[in-house]
Amino acid sequence: MTTNRSLVRGAAAAVLAVALVTSALLADSSGRTGRSSTGCTCHGSTPSASLTVTISGPQTVAPLSTHDYTVSASGGPSGTLGGFNLKASAGTLVAGTGNRVSGSEVTHSNRNSRSWTFSWTAPATSGAQSFVAVGLGCDGNSGTGGDAWNYYGGGANTAFSIDVNASLGVPGTPASSWLAPPVPNPCRREAQIEFSLASAGSARVEVLDLSGRRVATLVAGALPAGRRSARWDRRGDNGSRVASGLYFIRLVSGSESITTRLLVVD
């Protein structure tokens, strides 16, 4: 009888251990923050040189300008499953496909990719800013033994440096056109979009869906130079309310085209 009880206890402990590991993996599948400096230690105690994490995007930008950045994890275990966590020193992050924002950090929202693109709007003042990041490659098994993770640059707190430089053109001056991030973002009912034209001329502000199809035209026609705003009530050109999801706000003026992102939620 004692032997049988011991066997039952051992089996129960094994089931519990598997459940705990599975629970941890499921939690990681929707992303975690706070890992950019400490590492993905649930998937291994130390970073792996077999995995390389890169960040691509402009490193000299104007104040309040918005740009796309991409984090990629290459090497490591075969397959396409992975994750990441990036922290910005300042500015505003806007999530893209397959990722989500939490304060000053962005992380994956599912583990079905090893490359993620998001938007970042520079702060209003000039100065040095940076990203720090960690990336992960998963082998797809139920355990973590075959996974690999590493920091951007191969070491903790290695900075992807960005120079926010007013000499590139400060929004609000005649030297540059600009398009500010919509407010609020995410939005449920209505968003306000601020923009400015460097010179008078024909301009258009429009809303595009993920496929690039225009769903709404907010401004179209000849405009004087300077700052103005547009409002979107979440309705398309056909008058129907659009579905929740990621949309792009685009300003087109002359040869210039500037795009920012807007997440619509229910």
Protein backbone atom coordinates (compact mmCIF):
# COMPACT_ATOMS: atom_id res chain seq x y z
CA MET A 1 0.00 0.00 0.00
CA THR A 2 2.81 2.40 0.91
CA THR A 3 4.49 1.67 -2.43
CA ASN A 4 1.27 2.38 -4.33
CA ARG A 5 0.80 5.69 -2.52
CA SER A 6 4.37 6.67 -3.34
CA LEU A 7 3.79 5.89 -7.00
CA VAL A 8 0.58 7.95 -7.02
CA ARG A 9 2.35 10.89 -5.36
CA GLY A 10 5.21 10.65 -7.86
CA ALA A 11 2.83 10.60 -10.81
CA ALA A 12 0.90 13.57 -9.44
CA ALA A 13 4.12 15.53 -8.98
CA ALA A 14 5.14 14.77 -12.55
CA VAL A 15 1.75 15.93 -13.89
CA LEU A 16 2.02 19.12 -11.82
CA ALA A 17 5.52 19.82 -13.13
CA VAL A 18 4.34 19.42 -16.74
CA ALA A 19 1.37 21.69 -16.03
CA LEU A 20 3.62 24.38 -14.56
CA VAL A 21 5.96 24.30 -17.57
CA THR A 22 3.00 24.38 -19.98
CA SER A 23 1.48 27.30 -18.07
CA ALA A 24 4.75 29.25 -18.29
CA LEU A 25 5.00 28.62 -22.02
CA LEU A 26 1.42 29.73 -22.59
CA ALA A 27 2.09 32.92 -20.64
CA ASP A 28 5.15 33.64 -22.77
CA SER A 29 3.22 33.00 -26.00
CA SER A 30 1.40 36.33 -25.59
CA GLY A 31 4.57 38.20 -24.66
CA ARG A 32 6.20 39.47 -21.49
CA THR A 33 7.63 42.82 -20.53
CA GLY A 34 10.53 43.55 -18.21
CA ARG A 35 12.81 41.10 -20.07
CA SER A 36 14.79 43.47 -22.29
CA SER A 37 17.52 43.85 -19.64
CA THR A 38 17.15 40.59 -17.69
CA GLY A 39 16.75 38.09 -20.54
CA CYS A 40 14.32 35.29 -21.39
CA THR A 41 15.55 33.14 -18.51
CA CYS A 42 12.47 30.87 -18.60
CA HIS A 43 13.92 29.56 -21.87
CA GLY A 44 17.51 29.11 -20.65
CA SER A 45 19.68 30.54 -17.92
CA THR A 46 22.14 32.31 -20.25
CA PRO A 47 22.02 34.04 -23.65
CA SER A 48 23.00 31.99 -26.68
CA ALA A 49 25.45 33.20 -29.31
CA SER A 50 23.63 30.99 -31.83
CA LEU A 51 20.81 33.55 -31.96
CA THR A 52 21.34 37.06 -33.35
CA VAL A 53 18.95 39.91 -32.57
CA THR A 54 18.86 42.91 -34.90
CA ILE A 55 16.97 46.22 -34.92
CA SER A 56 16.46 48.11 -38.16
CA GLY A 57 15.11 51.63 -38.62
CA PRO A 58 16.30 55.24 -38.82
CA GLN A 59 18.80 56.33 -36.17
CA THR A 60 18.68 60.07 -36.86
CA VAL A 61 15.17 61.54 -36.70
CA ALA A 62 13.35 64.84 -36.17
CA PRO A 63 11.46 65.59 -32.94
CA LEU A 64 7.87 64.27 -32.98
CA SER A 65 8.48 62.35 -36.23
CA THR A 66 7.12 58.80 -36.52
CA HIS A 67 9.06 55.88 -37.98
CA ASP A 68 8.81 52.11 -38.34
CA TYR A 69 11.33 49.81 -36.66
CA THR A 70 11.77 46.06 -37.00
CA VAL A 71 13.20 43.61 -34.46
CA SER A 72 14.36 40.27 -35.88
CA ALA A 73 15.76 37.10 -34.30
CA SER A 74 17.81 34.85 -36.60
CA GLY A 75 19.68 31.62 -36.04
CA GLY A 76 19.05 29.44 -33.02
CA PRO A 77 16.64 26.49 -33.29
CA SER A 78 15.00 25.78 -36.63
CA GLY A 79 11.49 27.02 -37.22
CA THR A 80 9.66 30.32 -37.11
CA LEU A 81 8.45 30.47 -33.49
CA GLY A 82 9.86 33.20 -31.28
CA GLY A 83 9.35 36.29 -29.17
CA PHE A 84 10.90 39.59 -28.18
CA ASN A 85 10.77 42.45 -25.70
CA LEU A 86 12.00 45.99 -26.42
CA LYS A 87 12.10 49.03 -24.16
CA ALA A 88 12.30 52.63 -25.40
CA SER A 89 14.05 55.30 -23.34
CA ALA A 90 11.37 57.87 -24.28
CA GLY A 91 8.88 58.66 -27.04
CA THR A 92 5.69 56.81 -27.94
CA LEU A 93 5.41 53.21 -29.15
CA VAL A 94 2.56 51.98 -31.36
CA ALA A 95 2.08 48.24 -31.89
CA GLY A 96 2.11 46.57 -35.29
CA THR A 97 1.03 43.12 -36.41
CA GLY A 98 1.86 40.37 -33.93
CA ASN A 99 2.99 42.66 -31.11
CA ARG A 100 1.53 44.76 -28.31
CA VAL A 101 2.60 47.83 -26.33
CA SER A 102 2.72 48.20 -22.57
CA GLY A 103 3.92 51.65 -21.53
CA SER A 104 7.49 52.15 -22.73
CA GLU A 105 7.82 48.52 -23.88
CA VAL A 106 6.66 46.44 -26.82
CA THR A 107 6.52 42.63 -26.92
CA HIS A 108 5.10 39.86 -29.11
CA SER A 109 1.37 39.09 -28.89
CA ASN A 110 1.79 35.60 -30.29
CA ARG A 111 4.85 33.42 -30.89
CA ASN A 112 4.32 32.74 -34.59
CA SER A 113 7.11 34.95 -35.91
CA ARG A 114 10.73 35.94 -35.48
CA SER A 115 10.37 39.41 -36.96
CA TRP A 116 8.16 42.22 -35.64
CA THR A 117 7.54 45.77 -36.87
CA PHE A 118 6.20 48.60 -34.72
CA SER A 119 6.13 52.42 -34.87
CA TRP A 120 7.93 54.89 -32.62
CA THR A 121 7.31 58.62 -32.34
CA ALA A 122 10.29 60.63 -31.16
CA PRO A 123 9.92 62.95 -28.16
CA ALA A 124 9.47 66.68 -28.69
CA THR A 125 12.97 67.64 -27.58
CA SER A 126 16.32 66.91 -29.18
CA GLY A 127 18.75 64.49 -27.58
CA ALA A 128 20.01 60.92 -27.46
CA GLN A 129 17.40 58.16 -27.16
CA SER A 130 17.73 54.40 -27.34
CA PHE A 131 16.10 50.98 -27.49
CA VAL A 132 17.27 47.89 -25.60
CA ALA A 133 15.90 44.51 -26.64
CA VAL A 134 15.98 40.75 -26.24
CA GLY A 135 14.89 38.15 -28.81
CA LEU A 136 13.93 34.47 -28.57
CA GLY A 137 13.82 31.49 -30.90
CA CYS A 138 11.63 28.51 -29.89
CA ASP A 139 11.88 24.96 -31.21
CA GLY A 140 8.14 24.35 -30.76
CA ASN A 141 8.46 21.48 -28.30
CA SER A 142 6.62 21.42 -24.96
CA GLY A 143 9.82 22.12 -23.03
CA THR A 144 12.36 24.93 -23.19
CA GLY A 145 15.55 22.89 -23.55
CA GLY A 146 15.90 23.52 -27.28
CA ASP A 147 15.09 27.24 -27.18
CA ALA A 148 17.66 30.04 -27.53
CA TRP A 149 17.61 33.72 -26.61
CA ASN A 150 20.00 36.63 -26.82
CA TYR A 151 20.21 40.37 -26.32
CA TYR A 152 20.41 42.93 -29.10
CA GLY A 153 24.13 43.47 -29.60
CA GLY A 154 24.97 40.26 -27.72
CA GLY A 155 24.99 41.81 -24.24
CA ALA A 156 22.51 43.12 -21.68
CA ASN A 157 21.54 46.78 -22.09
CA THR A 158 23.33 47.21 -25.43
CA ALA A 159 21.69 50.32 -26.87
CA PHE A 160 20.28 50.84 -30.34
CA SER A 161 21.03 54.56 -30.38
CA ILE A 162 18.75 57.18 -31.93
CA ASP A 163 19.69 60.83 -32.34
CA VAL A 164 16.64 63.08 -32.11
CA ASN A 165 17.93 66.09 -34.02
CA ALA A 166 16.04 69.36 -34.41
CA SER A 167 18.20 70.32 -37.39
CA LEU A 168 16.21 67.82 -39.47
CA GLY A 169 13.18 70.08 -39.16
CA VAL A 170 11.04 70.83 -36.14
CA PRO A 171 7.31 70.14 -36.60
CA GLY A 172 5.37 73.37 -36.74
CA THR A 173 8.00 75.32 -38.67
CA PRO A 174 7.75 75.99 -42.42
CA ALA A 175 10.80 73.77 -43.03
CA SER A 176 8.96 70.45 -42.80
CA SER A 177 5.62 68.76 -43.19
CA TRP A 178 4.67 66.36 -40.43
CA LEU A 179 1.94 64.00 -39.27
CA ALA A 180 1.47 63.43 -35.54
CA PRO A 181 0.25 60.14 -34.02
CA PRO A 182 -3.56 60.03 -33.69
CA VAL A 183 -5.04 60.78 -30.27
CA PRO A 184 -6.24 58.67 -28.55
CA ASN A 185 -4.41 55.61 -29.77
CA PRO A 186 -5.88 53.01 -29.45
CA CYS A 187 -9.27 54.58 -30.12
CA ARG A 188 -12.82 53.28 -29.75
CA ARG A 189 -15.01 55.99 -31.29
CA GLU A 190 -13.07 58.96 -32.61
CA ALA A 191 -9.47 60.04 -33.21
CA GLN A 192 -7.92 63.46 -33.74
CA ILE A 193 -5.07 63.76 -36.25
CA GLU A 194 -2.74 66.79 -36.21
CA PHE A 195 -0.63 67.56 -39.28
CA SER A 196 1.29 70.42 -40.87
CA LEU A 197 2.22 71.35 -44.43
CA ALA A 198 5.57 72.91 -45.26
CA SER A 199 4.07 74.75 -48.23
CA ALA A 200 0.69 75.47 -49.75
CA GLY A 201 -0.67 72.97 -52.22
CA SER A 202 -2.86 69.95 -52.77
CA ALA A 203 -2.95 67.60 -49.77
CA ARG A 204 -4.77 64.48 -48.74
CA VAL A 205 -5.19 62.74 -45.38
CA GLU A 206 -6.60 59.25 -45.65
CA VAL A 207 -7.15 56.06 -43.67
CA LEU A 208 -5.86 52.76 -45.07
CA ASP A 209 -6.46 49.21 -43.92
CA LEU A 210 -3.74 46.57 -43.55
CA SER A 211 -3.96 45.67 -47.25
CA GLY A 212 -3.33 49.30 -48.23
CA ARG A 213 -6.92 49.88 -49.38
CA ARG A 214 -8.27 53.37 -48.69
CA VAL A 215 -11.26 53.15 -46.36
CA ALA A 216 -11.77 56.84 -45.50
CA THR A 217 -10.69 60.24 -46.82
CA LEU A 218 -10.41 62.86 -44.09
CA VAL A 219 -8.92 65.78 -46.03
CA ALA A 220 -8.62 66.35 -49.78
CA GLY A 221 -7.93 69.56 -51.65
CA ALA A 222 -5.78 72.68 -51.77
CA LEU A 223 -4.52 73.85 -48.36
CA PRO A 224 -2.30 76.70 -47.17
CA ALA A 225 0.97 76.00 -45.38
CA GLY A 226 0.83 75.46 -41.65
CA ARG A 227 -0.70 73.35 -38.95
CA ARG A 228 -4.24 71.94 -38.89
CA SER A 229 -6.17 68.91 -37.71
CA ALA A 230 -8.59 66.29 -38.97
CA ARG A 231 -11.08 64.09 -37.16
CA TRP A 232 -12.00 60.47 -37.90
CA ASP A 233 -15.21 59.07 -36.45
CA ARG A 234 -14.30 55.47 -37.34
CA ARG A 235 -16.53 55.52 -40.42
CA GLY A 236 -15.48 54.70 -43.95
CA ASP A 237 -16.22 56.69 -47.06
CA ASN A 238 -19.38 54.56 -47.44
CA GLY A 239 -20.66 55.76 -44.05
CA SER A 240 -20.28 52.39 -42.34
CA ARG A 241 -18.42 51.94 -39.08
CA VAL A 242 -15.14 50.08 -39.67
CA ALA A 243 -14.14 46.92 -37.82
CA SER A 244 -11.57 46.92 -35.05
CA GLY A 245 -7.97 46.37 -36.09
CA LEU A 246 -4.81 48.16 -37.21
CA TYR A 247 -5.15 51.07 -39.66
CA PHE A 248 -2.72 53.52 -41.25
CA ILE A 249 -3.19 57.30 -41.42
CA ARG A 250 -1.40 58.75 -44.45
CA LEU A 251 -0.63 62.36 -45.33
CA VAL A 252 0.17 62.96 -49.01
CA SER A 253 1.35 66.40 -50.11
CA GLY A 254 3.23 66.91 -53.34
CA SER A 255 6.04 64.34 -53.44
CA GLU A 256 5.83 63.74 -49.68
CA SER A 257 4.02 60.80 -48.10
CA ILE A 258 4.00 60.35 -44.31
CA THR A 259 2.29 57.46 -42.53
CA THR A 260 1.48 56.67 -38.93
CA ARG A 261 -0.56 53.91 -37.28
CA LEU A 262 -3.85 53.78 -35.44
CA LEU A 263 -5.22 50.82 -33.53
CA VAL A 264 -9.03 50.69 -33.43
CA VAL A 265 -10.62 48.63 -30.64
CA ASP A 266 -14.17 47.76 -29.60
